[in-house]
Protein backbone atom coordinates (compact mmCIF):
# COMPACT_ATOMS: atom_id res chain seq x y z
CA UNK A 1 11.29 -30.25 -4.47
CA UNK A 2 10.69 -29.04 -0.85
CA UNK A 3 7.83 -27.90 1.13
CA UNK A 4 7.86 -24.68 3.24
CA UNK A 5 5.34 -24.42 5.85
CA UNK A 6 4.72 -21.88 8.57
CA UNK A 7 2.23 -22.53 11.29
CA UNK A 8 1.25 -20.40 14.27
CA UNK A 9 -0.41 -22.41 17.12
CA UNK A 10 -2.87 -20.64 19.25
CA UNK A 11 -2.71 -20.46 23.07
CA UNK A 12 -5.59 -22.93 23.47
CA UNK A 13 -8.21 -20.37 24.06
CA UNK A 14 -10.92 -20.15 21.41
CA UNK A 15 -11.66 -16.75 20.19
CA UNK A 16 -14.67 -15.94 17.95
CA UNK A 17 -16.65 -12.76 17.18
CA UNK A 18 -19.44 -11.87 14.81
CA UNK A 19 -21.37 -8.67 14.28
CA UNK A 20 -22.93 -6.11 11.95
CA UNK A 21 -22.29 -2.57 10.97
CA UNK A 22 -24.28 -0.03 8.98
CA UNK A 23 -23.85 3.79 8.56
CA UNK A 24 -26.27 6.39 7.22
CA UNK A 25 -23.55 9.03 7.03
CA UNK A 26 -20.36 9.14 4.94
CA UNK A 27 -18.84 5.69 4.79
CA UNK A 28 -15.58 5.48 6.61
CA UNK A 29 -13.14 2.78 7.91
CA UNK A 30 -14.61 1.15 10.91
CA UNK A 31 -12.76 -0.35 13.87
CA UNK A 32 -14.20 -3.44 15.47
CA UNK A 33 -13.04 -4.09 19.02
CA UNK A 34 -13.70 -7.80 19.45
CA UNK A 35 -11.27 -8.15 22.46
CA UNK A 36 -8.60 -10.07 20.65
CA UNK A 37 -6.23 -9.63 17.55
CA UNK A 38 -7.77 -11.92 14.99
CA UNK A 39 -6.03 -14.49 12.82
CA UNK A 40 -8.88 -14.60 10.21
CA UNK A 41 -11.53 -12.01 9.36
CA UNK A 42 -14.32 -12.27 6.71
CA UNK A 43 -16.52 -9.20 6.02
CA UNK A 44 -19.33 -9.13 3.60
CA UNK A 45 -21.83 -6.59 2.40
CA UNK A 46 -25.33 -7.91 2.98
CA UNK A 47 -26.77 -5.76 0.37
CA UNK A 48 -24.33 -6.26 -2.56
CA UNK A 49 -22.89 -9.69 -1.56
CA UNK A 50 -19.31 -8.52 -2.06
CA UNK A 51 -16.79 -9.69 0.52
CA UNK A 52 -13.25 -9.53 1.71
CA UNK A 53 -11.32 -12.23 3.62
CA UNK A 54 -8.10 -11.66 5.43
CA UNK A 55 -5.71 -13.84 7.35
CA UNK A 56 -2.63 -13.22 9.45
CA UNK A 57 -0.26 -14.09 6.72
CA UNK A 58 -1.39 -11.07 4.80
CA UNK A 59 -0.23 -7.46 5.22
CA UNK A 60 -2.15 -4.70 6.89
CA UNK A 61 -5.08 -3.32 4.63
CA UNK A 62 -4.96 -6.41 2.33
CA UNK A 63 -7.50 -9.01 1.64
CA UNK A 64 -8.93 -11.36 -1.02
CA UNK A 65 -12.02 -9.62 -2.41
CA UNK A 66 -14.65 -11.47 -4.30
CA UNK A 67 -17.52 -9.45 -5.83
CA UNK A 68 -21.00 -10.84 -6.82
CA UNK A 69 -19.93 -11.01 -10.51
CA UNK A 70 -17.69 -13.89 -9.30
CA UNK A 71 -14.34 -12.33 -9.91
CA UNK A 72 -11.70 -12.35 -7.09
CA UNK A 73 -8.65 -10.49 -6.54
CA UNK A 74 -5.98 -9.65 -3.85
CA UNK A 75 -6.56 -5.94 -2.77
CA UNK A 76 -3.36 -4.26 -1.27
CA UNK A 77 -5.18 -1.25 0.29
CA UNK A 78 -8.59 -0.54 1.98
CA UNK A 79 -8.96 -4.13 3.14
CA UNK A 80 -8.67 -5.58 6.56
CA UNK A 81 -6.03 -4.38 9.19
CA UNK A 82 -5.53 -6.14 12.57
CA UNK A 83 -5.58 -3.95 15.61
CA UNK A 84 -3.82 -4.56 18.99
CA UNK A 85 -2.77 -1.06 20.06
CA UNK A 86 -3.39 -1.27 23.70
CA UNK A 87 -6.76 0.34 23.39
CA UNK A 88 -8.50 -1.61 20.53
CA UNK A 89 -8.01 -5.35 20.16
CA UNK A 90 -9.64 -6.37 17.00
CA UNK A 91 -9.55 -5.10 13.33
CA UNK A 92 -10.32 -2.21 10.88
CA UNK A 93 -12.60 -2.62 8.06
CA UNK A 94 -11.13 -0.52 5.35
CA UNK A 95 -13.00 1.83 3.09
CA UNK A 96 -13.29 -0.52 0.03
CA UNK A 97 -16.11 0.95 -1.95
CA UNK A 98 -17.69 -2.45 -2.87
CA UNK A 99 -17.75 -3.77 0.73
CA UNK A 100 -17.93 -0.70 2.93
CA UNK A 101 -20.77 1.50 1.41
CA UNK A 102 -23.18 3.98 2.90
CA UNK A 103 -26.71 2.64 3.92
CA UNK A 104 -25.58 -0.92 3.36
CA UNK A 105 -25.20 -3.51 6.22
CA UNK A 106 -21.94 -5.04 6.60
CA UNK A 107 -21.46 -8.34 8.58
CA UNK A 108 -18.23 -9.88 9.88
CA UNK A 109 -16.84 -12.94 11.49
CA UNK A 110 -13.39 -13.14 13.26
CA UNK A 111 -11.42 -16.03 14.68
CA UNK A 112 -8.42 -15.60 17.04
């Protein structure tokens, strides 16, 4: 039996961002420009408690979602997408209806 491991060391510069987001109009995907392309993001809905976690081994728009009922699942769309397009350095919070909802505060934490 063998072990396969992949590690990506950072460049020694700690990167960390936190914040909140709320909309009173139609909910939409939201881009967060935190100044770096994150390796880990956690987003949670302060109202419902639902949350999505993403790390850099996952594909764009994926995430591990846990809802307040306690069930967890891998989402393959409407999750978290890292951004590093020359203009925005951060991530996109997808339009998952449990996490990103109108008139509900969303909080996030990101590490680079």
